[in-house]
Amino acid sequence: MLTLALDIILAGNNAKFGQPEVKIGTIPGLGGSQRLVRAIGKSRAMEMVLTGATIPVQDLQHSGLIARIVPEDQLVDEALKLAQQIASLSRPVSE
């Protein structure tokens, strides 16, 4: 799940997340299994990794993996607002 490499995750209200690699005979790459365990706990992570099951976004928000759920039609706008808020806190460095 590429999502695990992100710092802040906003998700649409109908999103589902999964580790489907097992369905093609491989394991999650990019440290996916290790990061997922830290993010949502061993039992839920093992369920996803070993079965290829998808988990509704609402369940993942409760575990702390997802920062905020927003309506899908507002997702890009909300992400841009968050990026602007973060960028506004940076001040230029003078030499």
PDB file of N, CA and C in Angstrom:
ATOM      1  N   MET A   1       0.847  -1.165   0.000  1.00  0.00           N
ATOM      2  CA  MET A   1       0.000   0.000   0.000  1.00  0.00           C
ATOM      3  C   MET A   1       0.894   1.230   0.000  1.00  0.00           C
ATOM      4  N   LEU A   2       0.946   1.908  -1.104  1.00  0.00           N
ATOM      5  CA  LEU A   2       1.759   3.110  -1.259  1.00  0.00           C
ATOM      6  C   LEU A   2       1.373   4.170  -0.230  1.00  0.00           C
ATOM      7  N   THR A   3       0.145   4.153   0.196  1.00  0.00           N
ATOM      8  CA  THR A   3      -0.364   5.111   1.170  1.00  0.00           C
ATOM      9  C   THR A   3       0.499   5.152   2.433  1.00  0.00           C
ATOM     10  N   LEU A   4       1.087   4.048   2.800  1.00  0.00           N
ATOM     11  CA  LEU A   4       1.874   3.985   4.034  1.00  0.00           C
ATOM     12  C   LEU A   4       3.128   4.846   3.987  1.00  0.00           C
ATOM     13  N   ALA A   5       3.533   5.280   2.814  1.00  0.00           N
ATOM     14  CA  ALA A   5       4.714   6.130   2.689  1.00  0.00           C
ATOM     15  C   ALA A   5       4.373   7.614   2.865  1.00  0.00           C
ATOM     16  N   LEU A   6       3.096   7.937   3.018  1.00  0.00           N
ATOM     17  CA  LEU A   6       2.667   9.331   3.126  1.00  0.00           C
ATOM     18  C   LEU A   6       2.694   9.820   4.564  1.00  0.00           C
ATOM     19  N   ASP A   7       2.852  11.138   4.737  1.00  0.00           N
ATOM     20  CA  ASP A   7       2.874  11.724   6.075  1.00  0.00           C
ATOM     21  C   ASP A   7       1.476  12.025   6.596  1.00  0.00           C
ATOM     22  N   ILE A   8       0.611  12.542   5.736  1.00  0.00           N
ATOM     23  CA  ILE A   8      -0.760  12.886   6.110  1.00  0.00           C
ATOM     24  C   ILE A   8      -1.672  12.286   5.059  1.00  0.00           C
ATOM     25  N   ILE A   9      -2.690  11.554   5.501  1.00  0.00           N
ATOM     26  CA  ILE A   9      -3.574  10.880   4.558  1.00  0.00           C
ATOM     27  C   ILE A   9      -4.993  11.417   4.697  1.00  0.00           C
ATOM     28  N   LEU A  10      -5.469  12.038   3.629  1.00  0.00           N
ATOM     29  CA  LEU A  10      -6.871  12.402   3.511  1.00  0.00           C
ATOM     30  C   LEU A  10      -7.491  11.370   2.576  1.00  0.00           C
ATOM     31  N   ALA A  11      -8.701  10.941   2.872  1.00  0.00           N
ATOM     32  CA  ALA A  11      -9.327   9.913   2.042  1.00  0.00           C
ATOM     33  C   ALA A  11     -10.772  10.266   1.751  1.00  0.00           C
ATOM     34  N   GLY A  12     -11.235   9.858   0.579  1.00  0.00           N
ATOM     35  CA  GLY A  12     -12.634  10.023   0.226  1.00  0.00           C
ATOM     36  C   GLY A  12     -13.504   9.119   1.078  1.00  0.00           C
ATOM     37  N   ASN A  13     -14.742   9.514   1.279  1.00  0.00           N
ATOM     38  CA  ASN A  13     -15.625   8.779   2.187  1.00  0.00           C
ATOM     39  C   ASN A  13     -15.971   7.371   1.704  1.00  0.00           C
ATOM     40  N   ASN A  14     -15.717   7.035   0.460  1.00  0.00           N
ATOM     41  CA  ASN A  14     -15.987   5.682  -0.039  1.00  0.00           C
ATOM     42  C   ASN A  14     -14.713   4.880  -0.299  1.00  0.00           C
ATOM     43  N   ALA A  15     -13.581   5.396   0.141  1.00  0.00           N
ATOM     44  CA  ALA A  15     -12.296   4.725  -0.123  1.00  0.00           C
ATOM     45  C   ALA A  15     -12.190   3.410   0.645  1.00  0.00           C
ATOM     46  N   LYS A  16     -11.435   2.494   0.074  1.00  0.00           N
ATOM     47  CA  LYS A  16     -11.094   1.240   0.737  1.00  0.00           C
ATOM     48  C   LYS A  16      -9.605   1.023   0.539  1.00  0.00           C
ATOM     49  N   PHE A  17      -8.973   0.456   1.531  1.00  0.00           N
ATOM     50  CA  PHE A  17      -7.537   0.212   1.469  1.00  0.00           C
ATOM     51  C   PHE A  17      -7.275  -1.275   1.631  1.00  0.00           C
ATOM     52  N   GLY A  18      -6.215  -1.745   0.987  1.00  0.00           N
ATOM     53  CA  GLY A  18      -5.891  -3.156   1.084  1.00  0.00           C
ATOM     54  C   GLY A  18      -4.454  -3.445   0.701  1.00  0.00           C
ATOM     55  N   GLN A  19      -4.058  -4.672   0.931  1.00  0.00           N
ATOM     56  CA  GLN A  19      -2.755  -5.200   0.540  1.00  0.00           C
ATOM     57  C   GLN A  19      -3.027  -6.408  -0.350  1.00  0.00           C
ATOM     58  N   PRO A  20      -3.384  -6.191  -1.617  1.00  0.00           N
ATOM     59  CA  PRO A  20      -3.828  -7.295  -2.486  1.00  0.00           C
ATOM     60  C   PRO A  20      -2.707  -8.162  -3.066  1.00  0.00           C
ATOM     61  N   GLU A  21      -1.471  -7.902  -2.702  1.00  0.00           N
ATOM     62  CA  GLU A  21      -0.349  -8.630  -3.307  1.00  0.00           C
ATOM     63  C   GLU A  21      -0.468 -10.150  -3.164  1.00  0.00           C
ATOM     64  N   VAL A  22      -1.028 -10.613  -2.051  1.00  0.00           N
ATOM     65  CA  VAL A  22      -1.136 -12.054  -1.830  1.00  0.00           C
ATOM     66  C   VAL A  22      -1.972 -12.721  -2.925  1.00  0.00           C
ATOM     67  N   LYS A  23      -2.849 -11.970  -3.540  1.00  0.00           N
ATOM     68  CA  LYS A  23      -3.707 -12.528  -4.589  1.00  0.00           C
ATOM     69  C   LYS A  23      -2.941 -12.845  -5.865  1.00  0.00           C
ATOM     70  N   ILE A  24      -1.728 -12.306  -5.991  1.00  0.00           N
ATOM     71  CA  ILE A  24      -0.887 -12.643  -7.150  1.00  0.00           C
ATOM     72  C   ILE A  24       0.381 -13.382  -6.718  1.00  0.00           C
ATOM     73  N   GLY A  25       0.373 -13.871  -5.473  1.00  0.00           N
ATOM     74  CA  GLY A  25       1.462 -14.724  -5.011  1.00  0.00           C
ATOM     75  C   GLY A  25       2.705 -14.017  -4.531  1.00  0.00           C
ATOM     76  N   THR A  26       2.580 -12.793  -4.061  1.00  0.00           N
ATOM     77  CA  THR A  26       3.748 -12.073  -3.553  1.00  0.00           C
ATOM     78  C   THR A  26       3.397 -11.402  -2.221  1.00  0.00           C
ATOM     79  N   ILE A  27       4.343 -10.682  -1.663  1.00  0.00           N
ATOM     80  CA  ILE A  27       4.114  -9.991  -0.398  1.00  0.00           C
ATOM     81  C   ILE A  27       4.191  -8.482  -0.631  1.00  0.00           C
ATOM     82  N   PRO A  28       3.645  -7.678   0.296  1.00  0.00           N
ATOM     83  CA  PRO A  28       3.699  -6.221   0.128  1.00  0.00           C
ATOM     84  C   PRO A  28       5.135  -5.718   0.047  1.00  0.00           C
ATOM     85  N   GLY A  29       5.368  -4.778  -0.854  1.00  0.00           N
ATOM     86  CA  GLY A  29       6.681  -4.177  -1.003  1.00  0.00           C
ATOM     87  C   GLY A  29       6.795  -2.868  -0.245  1.00  0.00           C
ATOM     88  N   LEU A  30       7.923  -2.216  -0.352  1.00  0.00           N
ATOM     89  CA  LEU A  30       8.195  -0.927   0.280  1.00  0.00           C
ATOM     90  C   LEU A  30       7.998  -0.944   1.786  1.00  0.00           C
ATOM     91  N   GLY A  31       8.237  -2.096   2.417  1.00  0.00           N
ATOM     92  CA  GLY A  31       8.058  -2.187   3.866  1.00  0.00           C
ATOM     93  C   GLY A  31       6.603  -2.155   4.282  1.00  0.00           C
ATOM     94  N   GLY A  32       5.694  -2.452   3.345  1.00  0.00           N
ATOM     95  CA  GLY A  32       4.268  -2.352   3.603  1.00  0.00           C
ATOM     96  C   GLY A  32       3.784  -3.146   4.800  1.00  0.00           C
ATOM     97  N   SER A  33       4.263  -4.354   4.951  1.00  0.00           N
ATOM     98  CA  SER A  33       3.782  -5.156   6.072  1.00  0.00           C
ATOM     99  C   SER A  33       4.279  -4.606   7.414  1.00  0.00           C
ATOM    100  N   GLN A  34       5.511  -4.133   7.475  1.00  0.00           N
ATOM    101  CA  GLN A  34       6.032  -3.586   8.728  1.00  0.00           C
ATOM    102  C   GLN A  34       5.353  -2.265   9.082  1.00  0.00           C
ATOM    103  N   ARG A  35       5.186  -1.392   8.108  1.00  0.00           N
ATOM    104  CA  ARG A  35       4.554  -0.095   8.362  1.00  0.00           C
ATOM    105  C   ARG A  35       3.090  -0.261   8.731  1.00  0.00           C
ATOM    106  N   LEU A  36       2.422  -1.192   8.098  1.00  0.00           N
ATOM    107  CA  LEU A  36       1.006  -1.405   8.378  1.00  0.00           C
ATOM    108  C   LEU A  36       0.798  -1.895   9.810  1.00  0.00           C
ATOM    109  N   VAL A  37       1.654  -2.778  10.282  1.00  0.00           N
ATOM    110  CA  VAL A  37       1.565  -3.262  11.667  1.00  0.00           C
ATOM    111  C   VAL A  37       1.680  -2.093  12.636  1.00  0.00           C
ATOM    112  N   ARG A  38       2.630  -1.199  12.399  1.00  0.00           N
ATOM    113  CA  ARG A  38       2.790  -0.043  13.284  1.00  0.00           C
ATOM    114  C   ARG A  38       1.590   0.893  13.209  1.00  0.00           C
ATOM    115  N   ALA A  39       0.978   0.969  12.051  1.00  0.00           N
ATOM    116  CA  ALA A  39      -0.116   1.918  11.856  1.00  0.00           C
ATOM    117  C   ALA A  39      -1.450   1.421  12.406  1.00  0.00           C
ATOM    118  N   ILE A  40      -1.770   0.140  12.207  1.00  0.00           N
ATOM    119  CA  ILE A  40      -3.110  -0.328  12.593  1.00  0.00           C
ATOM    120  C   ILE A  40      -3.105  -1.524  13.533  1.00  0.00           C
ATOM    121  N   GLY A  41      -1.931  -1.993  13.915  1.00  0.00           N
ATOM    122  CA  GLY A  41      -1.858  -3.139  14.824  1.00  0.00           C
ATOM    123  C   GLY A  41      -1.637  -4.441  14.074  1.00  0.00           C
ATOM    124  N   LYS A  42      -1.052  -5.394  14.784  1.00  0.00           N
ATOM    125  CA  LYS A  42      -0.637  -6.655  14.170  1.00  0.00           C
ATOM    126  C   LYS A  42      -1.811  -7.470  13.628  1.00  0.00           C
ATOM    127  N   SER A  43      -2.852  -7.633  14.407  1.00  0.00           N
ATOM    128  CA  SER A  43      -3.943  -8.515  13.994  1.00  0.00           C
ATOM    129  C   SER A  43      -4.636  -8.025  12.729  1.00  0.00           C
ATOM    130  N   ARG A  44      -4.974  -6.744  12.696  1.00  0.00           N
ATOM    131  CA  ARG A  44      -5.661  -6.196  11.512  1.00  0.00           C
ATOM    132  C   ARG A  44      -4.722  -6.190  10.306  1.00  0.00           C
ATOM    133  N   ALA A  45      -3.458  -5.862  10.529  1.00  0.00           N
ATOM    134  CA  ALA A  45      -2.488  -5.860   9.437  1.00  0.00           C
ATOM    135  C   ALA A  45      -2.311  -7.265   8.857  1.00  0.00           C
ATOM    136  N   MET A  46      -2.218  -8.252   9.720  1.00  0.00           N
ATOM    137  CA  MET A  46      -2.051  -9.625   9.242  1.00  0.00           C
ATOM    138  C   MET A  46      -3.274 -10.081   8.450  1.00  0.00           C
ATOM    139  N   GLU A  47      -4.457  -9.667   8.887  1.00  0.00           N
ATOM    140  CA  GLU A  47      -5.668  -9.999   8.133  1.00  0.00           C
ATOM    141  C   GLU A  47      -5.576  -9.434   6.717  1.00  0.00           C
ATOM    142  N   MET A  48      -5.165  -8.179   6.603  1.00  0.00           N
ATOM    143  CA  MET A  48      -5.069  -7.548   5.289  1.00  0.00           C
ATOM    144  C   MET A  48      -3.990  -8.207   4.425  1.00  0.00           C
ATOM    145  N   VAL A  49      -2.822  -8.445   5.018  1.00  0.00           N
ATOM    146  CA  VAL A  49      -1.687  -8.983   4.261  1.00  0.00           C
ATOM    147  C   VAL A  49      -1.921 -10.434   3.829  1.00  0.00           C
ATOM    148  N   LEU A  50      -2.494 -11.241   4.710  1.00  0.00           N
ATOM    149  CA  LEU A  50      -2.636 -12.665   4.417  1.00  0.00           C
ATOM    150  C   LEU A  50      -3.888 -13.022   3.623  1.00  0.00           C
ATOM    151  N   THR A  51      -4.895 -12.149   3.626  1.00  0.00           N
ATOM    152  CA  THR A  51      -6.129 -12.453   2.883  1.00  0.00           C
ATOM    153  C   THR A  51      -6.336 -11.561   1.677  1.00  0.00           C
ATOM    154  N   GLY A  52      -5.644 -10.441   1.610  1.00  0.00           N
ATOM    155  CA  GLY A  52      -5.876  -9.486   0.534  1.00  0.00           C
ATOM    156  C   GLY A  52      -7.167  -8.703   0.725  1.00  0.00           C
ATOM    157  N   ALA A  53      -7.740  -8.774   1.927  1.00  0.00           N
ATOM    158  CA  ALA A  53      -9.003  -8.089   2.213  1.00  0.00           C
ATOM    159  C   ALA A  53      -8.844  -6.577   2.140  1.00  0.00           C
ATOM    160  N   THR A  54      -9.917  -5.903   1.749  1.00  0.00           N
ATOM    161  CA  THR A  54      -9.934  -4.441   1.786  1.00  0.00           C
ATOM    162  C   THR A  54     -10.693  -4.000   3.028  1.00  0.00           C
ATOM    163  N   ILE A  55     -10.269  -2.869   3.582  1.00  0.00           N
ATOM    164  CA  ILE A  55     -10.837  -2.342   4.812  1.00  0.00           C
ATOM    165  C   ILE A  55     -11.455  -0.984   4.511  1.00  0.00           C
ATOM    166  N   PRO A  56     -12.698  -0.740   4.938  1.00  0.00           N
ATOM    167  CA  PRO A  56     -13.317   0.572   4.715  1.00  0.00           C
ATOM    168  C   PRO A  56     -12.537   1.685   5.419  1.00  0.00           C
ATOM    169  N   VAL A  57     -12.527   2.839   4.810  1.00  0.00           N
ATOM    170  CA  VAL A  57     -11.756   3.972   5.313  1.00  0.00           C
ATOM    171  C   VAL A  57     -12.178   4.371   6.734  1.00  0.00           C
ATOM    172  N   GLN A  58     -13.432   4.203   7.073  1.00  0.00           N
ATOM    173  CA  GLN A  58     -13.892   4.564   8.410  1.00  0.00           C
ATOM    174  C   GLN A  58     -13.187   3.742   9.483  1.00  0.00           C
ATOM    175  N   ASP A  59     -12.952   2.466   9.225  1.00  0.00           N
ATOM    176  CA  ASP A  59     -12.232   1.627  10.180  1.00  0.00           C
ATOM    177  C   ASP A  59     -10.785   2.071  10.339  1.00  0.00           C
ATOM    178  N   LEU A  60     -10.174   2.513   9.249  1.00  0.00           N
ATOM    179  CA  LEU A  60      -8.776   2.924   9.300  1.00  0.00           C
ATOM    180  C   LEU A  60      -8.601   4.294   9.947  1.00  0.00           C
ATOM    181  N   GLN A  61      -9.625   5.134   9.903  1.00  0.00           N
ATOM    182  CA  GLN A  61      -9.523   6.415  10.598  1.00  0.00           C
ATOM    183  C   GLN A  61      -9.493   6.177  12.104  1.00  0.00           C
ATOM    184  N   HIS A  62     -10.286   5.244  12.575  1.00  0.00           N
ATOM    185  CA  HIS A  62     -10.308   4.945  14.007  1.00  0.00           C
ATOM    186  C   HIS A  62      -8.964   4.410  14.482  1.00  0.00           C
ATOM    187  N   SER A  63      -8.229   3.753  13.613  1.00  0.00           N
ATOM    188  CA  SER A  63      -6.921   3.218  13.994  1.00  0.00           C
ATOM    189  C   SER A  63      -5.820   4.266  13.919  1.00  0.00           C
ATOM    190  N   GLY A  64      -6.122   5.421  13.304  1.00  0.00           N
ATOM    191  CA  GLY A  64      -5.132   6.481  13.200  1.00  0.00           C
ATOM    192  C   GLY A  64      -4.384   6.521  11.877  1.00  0.00           C
ATOM    193  N   LEU A  65      -4.662   5.588  10.966  1.00  0.00           N
ATOM    194  CA  LEU A  65      -3.962   5.587   9.686  1.00  0.00           C
ATOM    195  C   LEU A  65      -4.401   6.765   8.811  1.00  0.00           C
ATOM    196  N   ILE A  66      -5.679   7.078   8.848  1.00  0.00           N
ATOM    197  CA  ILE A  66      -6.240   8.150   8.035  1.00  0.00           C
ATOM    198  C   ILE A  66      -6.421   9.390   8.910  1.00  0.00           C
ATOM    199  N   ALA A  67      -5.933  10.542   8.445  1.00  0.00           N
ATOM    200  CA  ALA A  67      -6.075  11.781   9.214  1.00  0.00           C
ATOM    201  C   ALA A  67      -7.499  12.307   9.172  1.00  0.00           C
ATOM    202  N   ARG A  68      -8.088  12.299   7.969  1.00  0.00           N
ATOM    203  CA  ARG A  68      -9.422  12.879   7.819  1.00  0.00           C
ATOM    204  C   ARG A  68     -10.124  12.261   6.625  1.00  0.00           C
ATOM    205  N   ILE A  69     -11.420  12.041   6.777  1.00  0.00           N
ATOM    206  CA  ILE A  69     -12.265  11.568   5.684  1.00  0.00           C
ATOM    207  C   ILE A  69     -13.083  12.749   5.194  1.00  0.00           C
ATOM    208  N   VAL A  70     -13.085  12.954   3.892  1.00  0.00           N
ATOM    209  CA  VAL A  70     -13.840  14.059   3.299  1.00  0.00           C
ATOM    210  C   VAL A  70     -14.669  13.526   2.128  1.00  0.00           C
ATOM    211  N   PRO A  71     -15.744  14.228   1.776  1.00  0.00           N
ATOM    212  CA  PRO A  71     -16.499  13.803   0.590  1.00  0.00           C
ATOM    213  C   PRO A  71     -15.571  13.754  -0.632  1.00  0.00           C
ATOM    214  N   GLU A  72     -15.754  12.744  -1.452  1.00  0.00           N
ATOM    215  CA  GLU A  72     -14.851  12.534  -2.583  1.00  0.00           C
ATOM    216  C   GLU A  72     -14.766  13.737  -3.517  1.00  0.00           C
ATOM    217  N   ASP A  73     -15.862  14.446  -3.696  1.00  0.00           N
ATOM    218  CA  ASP A  73     -15.840  15.595  -4.606  1.00  0.00           C
ATOM    219  C   ASP A  73     -15.096  16.793  -4.027  1.00  0.00           C
ATOM    220  N   GLN A  74     -14.722  16.726  -2.749  1.00  0.00           N
ATOM    221  CA  GLN A  74     -13.982  17.810  -2.103  1.00  0.00           C
ATOM    222  C   GLN A  74     -12.550  17.417  -1.754  1.00  0.00           C
ATOM    223  N   LEU A  75     -12.161  16.214  -2.108  1.00  0.00           N
ATOM    224  CA  LEU A  75     -10.868  15.674  -1.685  1.00  0.00           C
ATOM    225  C   LEU A  75      -9.677  16.498  -2.162  1.00  0.00           C
ATOM    226  N   VAL A  76      -9.621  16.822  -3.427  1.00  0.00           N
ATOM    227  CA  VAL A  76      -8.493  17.589  -3.954  1.00  0.00           C
ATOM    228  C   VAL A  76      -8.466  18.988  -3.337  1.00  0.00           C
ATOM    229  N   ASP A  77      -9.612  19.634  -3.235  1.00  0.00           N
ATOM    230  CA  ASP A  77      -9.670  20.969  -2.629  1.00  0.00           C
ATOM    231  C   ASP A  77      -9.195  20.946  -1.177  1.00  0.00           C
ATOM    232  N   GLU A  78      -9.621  19.941  -0.424  1.00  0.00           N
ATOM    233  CA  GLU A  78      -9.196  19.834   0.978  1.00  0.00           C
ATOM    234  C   GLU A  78      -7.700  19.566   1.089  1.00  0.00           C
ATOM    235  N   ALA A  79      -7.167  18.745   0.207  1.00  0.00           N
ATOM    236  CA  ALA A  79      -5.725  18.465   0.219  1.00  0.00           C
ATOM    237  C   ALA A  79      -4.934  19.731  -0.099  1.00  0.00           C
ATOM    238  N   LEU A  80      -5.414  20.512  -1.070  1.00  0.00           N
ATOM    239  CA  LEU A  80      -4.732  21.761  -1.418  1.00  0.00           C
ATOM    240  C   LEU A  80      -4.815  22.777  -0.277  1.00  0.00           C
ATOM    241  N   LYS A  81      -5.947  22.851   0.405  1.00  0.00           N
ATOM    242  CA  LYS A  81      -6.083  23.753   1.557  1.00  0.00           C
ATOM    243  C   LYS A  81      -5.097  23.366   2.654  1.00  0.00           C
ATOM    244  N   LEU A  82      -4.985  22.075   2.914  1.00  0.00           N
ATOM    245  CA  LEU A  82      -4.049  21.602   3.935  1.00  0.00           C
ATOM    246  C   LEU A  82      -2.610  21.919   3.536  1.00  0.00           C
ATOM    247  N   ALA A  83      -2.280  21.705   2.269  1.00  0.00           N
ATOM    248  CA  ALA A  83      -0.927  22.011   1.782  1.00  0.00           C
ATOM    249  C   ALA A  83      -0.622  23.498   1.899  1.00  0.00           C
ATOM    250  N   GLN A  84      -1.599  24.337   1.576  1.00  0.00           N
ATOM    251  CA  GLN A  84      -1.403  25.790   1.703  1.00  0.00           C
ATOM    252  C   GLN A  84      -1.222  26.199   3.160  1.00  0.00           C
ATOM    253  N   GLN A  85      -1.992  25.580   4.040  1.00  0.00           N
ATOM    254  CA  GLN A  85      -1.856  25.881   5.472  1.00  0.00           C
ATOM    255  C   GLN A  85      -0.458  25.520   5.969  1.00  0.00           C
ATOM    256  N   ILE A  86       0.010  24.358   5.590  1.00  0.00           N
ATOM    257  CA  ILE A  86       1.351  23.920   6.006  1.00  0.00           C
ATOM    258  C   ILE A  86       2.415  24.828   5.415  1.00  0.00           C
ATOM    259  N   ALA A  87       2.291  25.155   4.125  1.00  0.00           N
ATOM    260  CA  ALA A  87       3.276  26.009   3.459  1.00  0.00           C
ATOM    261  C   ALA A  87       3.301  27.415   4.038  1.00  0.00           C
ATOM    262  N   SER A  88       2.163  27.916   4.513  1.00  0.00           N
ATOM    263  CA  SER A  88       2.108  29.266   5.070  1.00  0.00           C
ATOM    264  C   SER A  88       2.877  29.390   6.380  1.00  0.00           C
ATOM    265  N   LEU A  89       3.166  28.267   7.008  1.00  0.00           N
ATOM    266  CA  LEU A  89       3.891  28.305   8.278  1.00  0.00           C
ATOM    267  C   LEU A  89       5.404  28.364   8.086  1.00  0.00           C
ATOM    268  N   SER A  90       5.868  28.163   6.863  1.00  0.00           N
ATOM    269  CA  SER A  90       7.293  28.225   6.574  1.00  0.00           C
ATOM    270  C   SER A  90       7.691  29.680   6.313  1.00  0.00           C
ATOM    271  N   ARG A  91       8.757  30.079   6.890  1.00  0.00           N
ATOM    272  CA  ARG A  91       9.263  31.437   6.701  1.00  0.00           C
ATOM    273  C   ARG A  91      10.558  31.390   5.917  1.00  0.00           C
ATOM    274  N   PRO A  92      10.767  32.357   5.022  1.00  0.00           N
ATOM    275  CA  PRO A  92      12.038  32.394   4.283  1.00  0.00           C
ATOM    276  C   PRO A  92      13.224  32.579   5.249  1.00  0.00           C
ATOM    277  N   VAL A  93      14.315  31.975   4.903  1.00  0.00           N
ATOM    278  CA  VAL A  93      15.527  32.093   5.710  1.00  0.00           C
ATOM    279  C   VAL A  93      16.402  33.199   5.144  1.00  0.00           C
ATOM    280  N   SER A  94      16.809  34.126   5.985  1.00  0.00           N
ATOM    281  CA  SER A  94      17.696  35.214   5.563  1.00  0.00           C
ATOM    282  C   SER A  94      19.133  34.826   5.834  1.00  0.00           C
ATOM    283  N   GLU A  95      20.003  35.281   4.965  1.00  0.00           N
ATOM    284  CA  GLU A  95      21.431  34.999   5.175  1.00  0.00           C
ATOM    285  C   GLU A  95      22.099  36.128   5.886  1.00  0.00           C
TER     286      GLU A  95
END
